């Protein structure tokens, strides 16, 4: 059965986190700490998920910043932390996003955002990036008190969209996310933005490319409506 709705992970997949690097250079001494921060954030969300700890992505993001600051012996004020996290709401889209969205919409697909971020942050991010009007649905899994890549996160999205798993395809630049979607019965596509090898222990999607335009074109050819 062909895909009806294409779901997009947002942070890194759609939005470019590189604008955060100068903030990390200023407060932490090196822009490379941004990647470490994001990895700690994802790790802590997974720990909370598997241990049944209720929290939210914003709180975890702040905790991850404080972890890095502690390791580096950096004294950062509350205003400094707010400055870093505030930039998270003002991220530009990758250059290949809008052309890919236009291709998919013209081909008849519905688009949905699916993120671990809060609904408020998610809508703010998409509005700033000028992408909000492309989406038919904007879904935060925090509303279900879970995080991706739990099965519950993808099932919640399907419930919101009122579609069966085989009618949905998730696109992400995180292999743990595409793996989670595939494990939940959805289709997936992996956009390789880093060049890192796809984890061989994860379920692999049938569509892979290093840019979103190629991903969109493959989806249209494979199962255009």
Protein backbone atom coordinates (compact mmCIF):
# COMPACT_ATOMS: atom_id res chain seq x y z
CA UNK A 1 0.00 0.00 0.00
CA UNK A 2 1.54 3.38 -0.99
CA UNK A 3 2.55 5.97 1.56
CA UNK A 4 -0.07 8.62 2.27
CA UNK A 5 1.81 10.74 4.82
CA UNK A 6 5.50 11.56 5.05
CA UNK A 7 6.65 12.33 8.59
CA UNK A 8 9.76 14.38 9.20
CA UNK A 9 12.07 14.39 12.16
CA UNK A 10 12.89 18.05 12.72
CA UNK A 11 16.14 18.77 14.57
CA UNK A 12 19.14 18.12 12.26
CA UNK A 13 16.94 16.42 9.66
CA UNK A 14 14.97 19.52 8.64
CA UNK A 15 16.60 22.29 10.68
CA UNK A 16 20.30 23.13 10.60
CA UNK A 17 21.86 23.07 14.06
CA UNK A 18 25.13 24.55 12.82
CA UNK A 19 24.02 28.06 13.80
CA UNK A 20 24.38 26.91 17.41
CA UNK A 21 28.13 26.34 17.00
CA UNK A 22 29.18 29.96 17.69
CA UNK A 23 27.23 29.81 20.97
CA UNK A 24 29.15 26.72 22.03
CA UNK A 25 32.43 28.34 21.01
CA UNK A 26 31.55 31.35 23.18
CA UNK A 27 30.34 29.56 26.28
CA UNK A 28 32.19 26.24 26.14
CA UNK A 29 35.38 27.19 24.32
CA UNK A 30 34.89 25.01 21.24
CA UNK A 31 32.04 24.61 18.77
CA UNK A 32 32.57 20.84 18.66
CA UNK A 33 30.88 20.57 22.06
CA UNK A 34 27.55 21.11 20.28
CA UNK A 35 27.63 17.54 18.96
CA UNK A 36 28.50 16.24 22.41
CA UNK A 37 25.61 18.17 23.92
CA UNK A 38 23.12 16.80 21.42
CA UNK A 39 24.37 13.25 21.99
CA UNK A 40 24.02 13.65 25.76
CA UNK A 41 20.51 15.03 25.26
CA UNK A 42 19.46 12.03 23.18
CA UNK A 43 21.11 9.64 25.60
CA UNK A 44 19.35 11.13 28.62
CA UNK A 45 15.97 11.08 26.88
CA UNK A 46 16.47 7.39 26.16
CA UNK A 47 17.48 6.69 29.77
CA UNK A 48 14.34 8.46 31.02
CA UNK A 49 12.29 6.54 28.49
CA UNK A 50 13.46 3.07 29.48
CA UNK A 51 13.31 3.82 33.21
CA UNK A 52 9.86 5.38 33.12
CA UNK A 53 11.09 8.79 34.26
CA UNK A 54 8.72 11.59 33.34
CA UNK A 55 10.46 14.72 32.05
CA UNK A 56 10.56 16.96 28.98
CA UNK A 57 13.05 17.64 26.22
CA UNK A 58 13.74 21.24 27.30
CA UNK A 59 14.68 20.21 30.82
CA UNK A 60 16.93 17.48 29.46
CA UNK A 61 18.55 19.95 27.06
CA UNK A 62 19.44 22.25 29.96
CA UNK A 63 20.73 19.36 32.05
CA UNK A 64 22.96 18.28 29.15
CA UNK A 65 24.42 21.79 28.88
CA UNK A 66 25.19 21.77 32.59
CA UNK A 67 26.84 18.36 32.26
CA UNK A 68 29.23 19.68 29.63
CA UNK A 69 29.91 22.85 31.60
CA UNK A 70 30.76 20.75 34.64
CA UNK A 71 33.12 18.51 32.70
CA UNK A 72 34.89 21.53 31.23
CA UNK A 73 34.92 23.46 34.54
CA UNK A 74 33.10 26.35 32.83
CA UNK A 75 31.08 28.79 34.92
CA UNK A 76 28.00 29.68 32.89
CA UNK A 77 25.20 31.90 34.13
CA UNK A 78 21.50 31.15 33.79
CA UNK A 79 21.42 33.88 31.14
CA UNK A 80 24.12 32.05 29.21
CA UNK A 81 22.20 28.79 29.24
CA UNK A 82 19.08 30.66 28.15
CA UNK A 83 21.04 32.25 25.30
CA UNK A 84 22.09 28.85 23.98
CA UNK A 85 18.67 27.23 24.31
CA UNK A 86 16.91 30.30 22.94
CA UNK A 87 18.83 29.91 19.70
CA UNK A 88 17.35 26.42 19.39
CA UNK A 89 14.02 28.04 18.54
CA UNK A 90 15.61 30.09 15.73
CA UNK A 91 17.19 27.53 13.45
CA UNK A 92 17.17 27.83 9.65
CA UNK A 93 16.08 25.00 7.41
CA UNK A 94 18.64 23.08 5.39
CA UNK A 95 18.78 24.35 1.81
CA UNK A 96 17.31 21.16 0.39
CA UNK A 97 14.19 21.17 2.55
CA UNK A 98 11.81 23.57 0.85
CA UNK A 99 12.40 22.18 -2.68
CA UNK A 100 11.82 18.65 -1.35
CA UNK A 101 8.64 19.71 0.45
CA UNK A 102 7.32 21.28 -2.74
CA UNK A 103 8.00 18.09 -4.71
CA UNK A 104 6.18 15.93 -2.19
CA UNK A 105 3.20 18.27 -1.86
CA UNK A 106 2.86 18.54 -5.64
CA UNK A 107 2.89 14.74 -5.82
CA UNK A 108 -0.05 14.58 -3.41
CA UNK A 109 1.62 13.54 -0.17
CA UNK A 110 0.62 14.89 3.21
CA UNK A 111 3.48 16.13 5.39
CA UNK A 112 3.73 15.86 9.17
CA UNK A 113 6.35 17.00 11.66
CA UNK A 114 7.24 14.50 14.37
CA UNK A 115 9.57 15.61 17.14
CA UNK A 116 10.67 15.02 20.71
CA UNK A 117 10.51 18.79 21.23
CA UNK A 118 7.49 20.38 22.88
CA UNK A 119 4.57 21.54 20.75
CA UNK A 120 5.33 25.17 21.61
CA UNK A 121 8.98 24.89 20.57
CA UNK A 122 8.15 22.85 17.50
CA UNK A 123 5.66 25.40 16.18
CA UNK A 124 8.08 28.23 16.97
CA UNK A 125 10.89 26.47 15.11
CA UNK A 126 8.82 25.79 12.02
CA UNK A 127 7.40 29.31 11.96
CA UNK A 128 10.87 30.86 12.20
CA UNK A 129 12.15 28.60 9.41
CA UNK A 130 9.16 29.51 7.21
CA UNK A 131 8.01 25.90 6.95
CA UNK A 132 4.90 25.72 9.11
CA UNK A 133 2.43 26.05 6.24
CA UNK A 134 3.88 22.99 4.48
CA UNK A 135 2.77 20.68 7.27
CA UNK A 136 -0.66 19.12 7.50
CA UNK A 137 0.08 18.01 11.07
CA UNK A 138 2.62 19.02 13.73
CA UNK A 139 3.09 16.31 16.36
CA UNK A 140 5.11 16.41 19.57
CA UNK A 141 5.51 13.01 21.21
CA UNK A 142 5.80 14.76 24.58
CA UNK A 143 2.01 14.91 24.46
CA UNK A 144 2.10 11.13 24.89
CA UNK A 145 4.72 11.35 27.68
CA UNK A 146 7.26 9.50 25.59
CA UNK A 147 10.22 10.10 23.30
CA UNK A 148 11.32 8.65 20.02
CA UNK A 149 12.41 5.94 19.32
CA UNK A 150 9.85 4.23 21.56
CA UNK A 151 7.14 2.26 19.79
CA UNK A 152 4.62 4.39 21.68
CA UNK A 153 5.94 7.56 20.01
CA UNK A 154 5.25 6.32 16.49
CA UNK A 155 1.94 4.74 17.46
CA UNK A 156 0.89 8.08 18.94
CA UNK A 157 1.71 9.78 15.64
CA UNK A 158 -0.34 7.22 13.72
CA UNK A 159 -3.27 7.77 16.06
CA UNK A 160 -3.07 11.52 15.53
CA UNK A 161 -2.93 11.06 11.77
CA UNK A 162 -5.58 8.32 11.83
CA UNK A 163 -3.65 6.14 9.41
CA UNK A 164 -2.19 2.64 9.42
CA UNK A 165 1.61 2.13 9.73
CA UNK A 166 2.01 1.09 6.10
CA UNK A 167 0.57 4.45 5.02
CA UNK A 168 3.30 6.42 6.80
CA UNK A 169 7.01 6.94 6.11
CA UNK A 170 9.38 8.70 8.49
CA UNK A 171 12.38 10.62 7.17
CA UNK A 172 15.26 11.25 9.56
CA UNK A 173 18.99 11.83 9.60
CA UNK A 174 19.24 9.70 12.77
CA UNK A 175 19.52 5.96 12.20
CA UNK A 176 18.04 5.26 15.65
CA UNK A 177 14.93 7.16 14.55
CA UNK A 178 14.48 5.37 11.24
CA UNK A 179 15.12 2.09 13.06
CA UNK A 180 12.44 2.98 15.61
CA UNK A 181 9.93 3.80 12.89
CA UNK A 182 10.63 0.56 11.03
CA UNK A 183 10.35 -1.45 14.24
CA UNK A 184 6.94 0.16 14.80
CA UNK A 185 5.75 -0.94 11.36
CA UNK A 186 6.20 2.33 9.46
CA UNK A 187 8.32 2.79 6.37
CA UNK A 188 11.39 5.02 6.61
CA UNK A 189 13.96 6.97 4.63
CA UNK A 190 17.42 7.95 5.82
CA UNK A 191 19.02 11.25 4.79
CA UNK A 192 22.74 10.94 5.42
CA UNK A 193 23.87 14.42 6.46
CA UNK A 194 27.05 13.39 8.28
CA UNK A 195 28.68 10.58 6.31
CA UNK A 196 28.68 8.35 9.38
CA UNK A 197 27.91 4.70 8.59
CA UNK A 198 24.39 3.50 9.31
CA UNK A 199 24.36 1.28 12.40
CA UNK A 200 24.50 -2.31 11.13
CA UNK A 201 22.45 -3.50 14.12
CA UNK A 202 19.47 -1.33 13.16
CA UNK A 203 16.69 -2.02 10.67
CA UNK A 204 17.63 -0.30 7.42
CA UNK A 205 15.18 1.69 5.25
CA UNK A 206 14.69 1.08 1.55
CA UNK A 207 15.33 4.73 0.67
CA UNK A 208 18.69 6.39 1.42
CA UNK A 209 20.33 9.53 0.03
CA UNK A 210 22.61 12.33 1.17
CA UNK A 211 20.11 15.11 0.48
CA UNK A 212 16.39 15.61 0.92
CA UNK A 213 15.61 16.31 -2.74
CA UNK A 214 16.88 12.87 -3.74
CA UNK A 215 14.88 11.36 -0.89
CA UNK A 216 11.70 13.07 -2.10
CA UNK A 217 12.28 11.98 -5.70
CA UNK A 218 12.83 8.38 -4.65
CA UNK A 219 9.62 8.39 -2.61
CA UNK A 220 7.66 9.79 -5.55
CA UNK A 221 9.07 7.20 -7.97
CA UNK A 222 8.67 4.32 -5.52
CA UNK A 223 5.12 5.01 -4.44
CA UNK A 224 3.74 8.19 -5.97
CA UNK A 225 0.05 8.71 -5.34
